[in-house]
Amino acid sequence: MNRSPMGWFRNLSIGQKFLVSFGLVLTLLALSLTALLFYLVRINSYVDRQKRITVPAIVTAANMQREVYDLKLVLHLQVQRNSPASSEDAFSQLDRHSATITAALELYKGIHAARTHPVCSGC
């Protein structure tokens, strides 16, 4: 009697060998499909996290940069004009821009991505 590990396979008929082989191929296919779906779910959750957390942080930081640019522009125009009437207007614009920047910075600090990657926390 043959005691090899595949001895039981040799004793099967051709139809049984086909069924065992086909079952093995289907099992491997099902396992690979399961792994593929598992990794797709993980990728989808990563993309969802990026949309939910990182993108708002980047948009908030970009808005702060724009406000700082507007603030610099107001200061530059005030230096060029140097008149008392334009000073009041410039100070009101400076107050508005600084309030907007402060509010955006507080929002940015509250976002999870800003807490884990503190780009503007030292601002």
C-alpha atoms as a PDB file:
ATOM      1  CA  MET A   1       0.000   0.000   0.000  1.00  0.00           C
ATOM      2  CA  ASN A   2       1.288   3.453  -0.989  1.00  0.00           C
ATOM      3  CA  ARG A   3       1.596   5.773   2.018  1.00  0.00           C
ATOM      4  CA  SER A   4       2.467   9.020   0.166  1.00  0.00           C
ATOM      5  CA  PRO A   5       0.585  12.184   1.121  1.00  0.00           C
ATOM      6  CA  MET A   6      -1.147  12.316  -2.268  1.00  0.00           C
ATOM      7  CA  GLY A   7      -1.995   8.638  -2.332  1.00  0.00           C
ATOM      8  CA  TRP A   8      -5.668   9.290  -1.697  1.00  0.00           C
ATOM      9  CA  PHE A   9      -5.799  11.531  -4.797  1.00  0.00           C
ATOM     10  CA  ARG A  10      -4.392   8.780  -7.035  1.00  0.00           C
ATOM     11  CA  ASN A  11      -7.136   6.405  -5.975  1.00  0.00           C
ATOM     12  CA  LEU A  12      -9.918   8.750  -7.137  1.00  0.00           C
ATOM     13  CA  SER A  13     -11.621   8.416 -10.492  1.00  0.00           C
ATOM     14  CA  ILE A  14     -11.054  11.068 -13.164  1.00  0.00           C
ATOM     15  CA  GLY A  15     -14.425  12.691 -12.424  1.00  0.00           C
ATOM     16  CA  GLN A  16     -13.644  12.888  -8.698  1.00  0.00           C
ATOM     17  CA  LYS A  17     -10.196  14.323  -9.446  1.00  0.00           C
ATOM     18  CA  PHE A  18     -11.847  16.963 -11.628  1.00  0.00           C
ATOM     19  CA  LEU A  19     -14.342  17.862  -8.884  1.00  0.00           C
ATOM     20  CA  VAL A  20     -11.596  18.124  -6.230  1.00  0.00           C
ATOM     21  CA  SER A  21      -9.461  20.291  -8.517  1.00  0.00           C
ATOM     22  CA  PHE A  22     -12.406  22.474  -9.500  1.00  0.00           C
ATOM     23  CA  GLY A  23     -13.396  22.863  -5.827  1.00  0.00           C
ATOM     24  CA  LEU A  24      -9.848  23.860  -4.948  1.00  0.00           C
ATOM     25  CA  VAL A  25      -9.775  26.471  -7.724  1.00  0.00           C
ATOM     26  CA  LEU A  26     -13.157  27.865  -6.611  1.00  0.00           C
ATOM     27  CA  THR A  27     -11.957  28.019  -2.997  1.00  0.00           C
ATOM     28  CA  LEU A  28      -8.835  29.941  -4.012  1.00  0.00           C
ATOM     29  CA  LEU A  29     -10.947  32.262  -6.143  1.00  0.00           C
ATOM     30  CA  ALA A  30     -13.318  32.928  -3.236  1.00  0.00           C
ATOM     31  CA  LEU A  31     -10.394  33.626  -0.890  1.00  0.00           C
ATOM     32  CA  SER A  32      -8.776  36.042  -3.338  1.00  0.00           C
ATOM     33  CA  LEU A  33     -12.121  37.806  -3.898  1.00  0.00           C
ATOM     34  CA  THR A  34     -12.528  38.143  -0.129  1.00  0.00           C
ATOM     35  CA  ALA A  35      -9.036  39.623   0.193  1.00  0.00           C
ATOM     36  CA  LEU A  36      -9.747  42.003  -2.698  1.00  0.00           C
ATOM     37  CA  LEU A  37     -12.985  43.222  -1.101  1.00  0.00           C
ATOM     38  CA  PHE A  38     -11.245  43.633   2.262  1.00  0.00           C
ATOM     39  CA  TYR A  39      -8.533  45.842   0.739  1.00  0.00           C
ATOM     40  CA  LEU A  40     -11.085  47.847  -1.266  1.00  0.00           C
ATOM     41  CA  VAL A  41     -12.978  48.602   1.944  1.00  0.00           C
ATOM     42  CA  ARG A  42      -9.761  49.754   3.609  1.00  0.00           C
ATOM     43  CA  ILE A  43      -8.866  51.988   0.664  1.00  0.00           C
ATOM     44  CA  ASN A  44     -12.387  53.427   0.616  1.00  0.00           C
ATOM     45  CA  SER A  45     -12.232  54.236   4.327  1.00  0.00           C
ATOM     46  CA  TYR A  46      -8.865  55.961   3.815  1.00  0.00           C
ATOM     47  CA  VAL A  47     -10.272  58.075   0.965  1.00  0.00           C
ATOM     48  CA  ASP A  48     -13.332  58.914   3.071  1.00  0.00           C
ATOM     49  CA  ARG A  49     -11.064  59.987   5.935  1.00  0.00           C
ATOM     50  CA  GLN A  50      -9.105  62.226   3.574  1.00  0.00           C
ATOM     51  CA  LYS A  51     -12.306  63.874   2.355  1.00  0.00           C
ATOM     52  CA  ARG A  52     -13.711  64.264   5.852  1.00  0.00           C
ATOM     53  CA  ILE A  53     -10.614  65.522   7.695  1.00  0.00           C
ATOM     54  CA  THR A  54      -7.689  66.554   5.527  1.00  0.00           C
ATOM     55  CA  VAL A  55      -9.468  68.460   2.768  1.00  0.00           C
ATOM     56  CA  PRO A  56     -11.282  70.848   5.173  1.00  0.00           C
ATOM     57  CA  ALA A  57      -7.969  71.503   6.954  1.00  0.00           C
ATOM     58  CA  ILE A  58      -6.281  72.386   3.653  1.00  0.00           C
ATOM     59  CA  VAL A  59      -9.183  74.625   2.605  1.00  0.00           C
ATOM     60  CA  THR A  60      -9.106  76.407   5.970  1.00  0.00           C
ATOM     61  CA  ALA A  61      -5.345  76.928   5.717  1.00  0.00           C
ATOM     62  CA  ALA A  62      -5.741  78.277   2.167  1.00  0.00           C
ATOM     63  CA  ASN A  63      -8.425  80.704   3.344  1.00  0.00           C
ATOM     64  CA  MET A  64      -6.100  81.916   6.090  1.00  0.00           C
ATOM     65  CA  GLN A  65      -3.346  82.483   3.525  1.00  0.00           C
ATOM     66  CA  ARG A  66      -5.733  84.497   1.365  1.00  0.00           C
ATOM     67  CA  GLU A  67      -6.789  86.620   4.350  1.00  0.00           C
ATOM     68  CA  VAL A  68      -3.141  87.276   5.241  1.00  0.00           C
ATOM     69  CA  TYR A  69      -2.485  88.334   1.650  1.00  0.00           C
ATOM     70  CA  ASP A  70      -5.477  90.708   1.796  1.00  0.00           C
ATOM     71  CA  LEU A  71      -4.155  92.036   5.117  1.00  0.00           C
ATOM     72  CA  LYS A  72      -0.746  92.748   3.584  1.00  0.00           C
ATOM     73  CA  LEU A  73      -2.419  94.440   0.622  1.00  0.00           C
ATOM     74  CA  VAL A  74      -4.413  96.746   2.908  1.00  0.00           C
ATOM     75  CA  LEU A  75      -1.248  97.659   4.814  1.00  0.00           C
ATOM     76  CA  HIS A  76       0.648  98.315   1.599  1.00  0.00           C
ATOM     77  CA  LEU A  77      -2.114 100.530   0.203  1.00  0.00           C
ATOM     78  CA  GLN A  78      -2.291 102.425   3.502  1.00  0.00           C
ATOM     79  CA  VAL A  79       1.425 103.172   3.369  1.00  0.00           C
ATOM     80  CA  GLN A  80       1.057 104.422  -0.213  1.00  0.00           C
ATOM     81  CA  ARG A  81      -1.969 106.651   0.471  1.00  0.00           C
ATOM     82  CA  ASN A  82      -1.000 107.944   3.918  1.00  0.00           C
ATOM     83  CA  SER A  83      -4.137 110.040   4.411  1.00  0.00           C
ATOM     84  CA  PRO A  84      -6.311 110.311   7.577  1.00  0.00           C
ATOM     85  CA  ALA A  85      -9.505 109.310   5.733  1.00  0.00           C
ATOM     86  CA  SER A  86      -7.946 106.156   4.354  1.00  0.00           C
ATOM     87  CA  SER A  87      -6.505 105.309   7.796  1.00  0.00           C
ATOM     88  CA  GLU A  88      -9.946 104.705   9.308  1.00  0.00           C
ATOM     89  CA  ASP A  89     -10.956 102.538   6.373  1.00  0.00           C
ATOM     90  CA  ALA A  90      -7.672 100.638   6.571  1.00  0.00           C
ATOM     91  CA  PHE A  91      -8.044 100.046  10.308  1.00  0.00           C
ATOM     92  CA  SER A  92     -11.571  98.682   9.852  1.00  0.00           C
ATOM     93  CA  GLN A  93     -10.328  96.368   7.089  1.00  0.00           C
ATOM     94  CA  LEU A  94      -7.405  95.268   9.273  1.00  0.00           C
ATOM     95  CA  ASP A  95      -9.774  94.485  12.144  1.00  0.00           C
ATOM     96  CA  ARG A  96     -12.068  92.509   9.836  1.00  0.00           C
ATOM     97  CA  HIS A  97      -9.207  90.509   8.293  1.00  0.00           C
ATOM     98  CA  SER A  98      -7.580  89.787  11.660  1.00  0.00           C
ATOM     99  CA  ALA A  99     -10.914  88.611  13.107  1.00  0.00           C
ATOM    100  CA  THR A 100     -11.431  86.335  10.104  1.00  0.00           C
ATOM    101  CA  ILE A 101      -7.909  84.921  10.435  1.00  0.00           C
ATOM    102  CA  THR A 102      -8.343  84.341  14.175  1.00  0.00           C
ATOM    103  CA  ALA A 103     -11.659  82.538  13.630  1.00  0.00           C
ATOM    104  CA  ALA A 104     -10.177  80.397  10.841  1.00  0.00           C
ATOM    105  CA  LEU A 105      -7.161  79.560  12.992  1.00  0.00           C
ATOM    106  CA  GLU A 106      -9.377  78.420  15.858  1.00  0.00           C
ATOM    107  CA  LEU A 107     -11.365  76.272  13.422  1.00  0.00           C
ATOM    108  CA  TYR A 108      -8.139  74.849  11.988  1.00  0.00           C
ATOM    109  CA  LYS A 109      -6.808  73.984  15.444  1.00  0.00           C
ATOM    110  CA  GLY A 110     -10.024  72.102  16.200  1.00  0.00           C
ATOM    111  CA  ILE A 111      -9.767  69.858  13.152  1.00  0.00           C
ATOM    112  CA  HIS A 112      -8.233  66.439  13.792  1.00  0.00           C
ATOM    113  CA  ALA A 113      -5.672  66.720  10.985  1.00  0.00           C
ATOM    114  CA  ALA A 114      -4.372  69.971  12.452  1.00  0.00           C
ATOM    115  CA  ARG A 115      -3.955  68.330  15.867  1.00  0.00           C
ATOM    116  CA  THR A 116      -2.022  65.402  14.409  1.00  0.00           C
ATOM    117  CA  HIS A 117      -0.050  67.520  11.910  1.00  0.00           C
ATOM    118  CA  PRO A 118       0.230  70.965  13.533  1.00  0.00           C
ATOM    119  CA  VAL A 119       1.200  73.156  10.603  1.00  0.00           C
ATOM    120  CA  CYS A 120      -0.369  76.365  11.918  1.00  0.00           C
ATOM    121  CA  SER A 121      -0.576  75.584  15.638  1.00  0.00           C
ATOM    122  CA  GLY A 122       2.481  77.720  16.256  1.00  0.00           C
ATOM    123  CA  CYS A 123       0.940  80.649  14.343  1.00  0.00           C
END
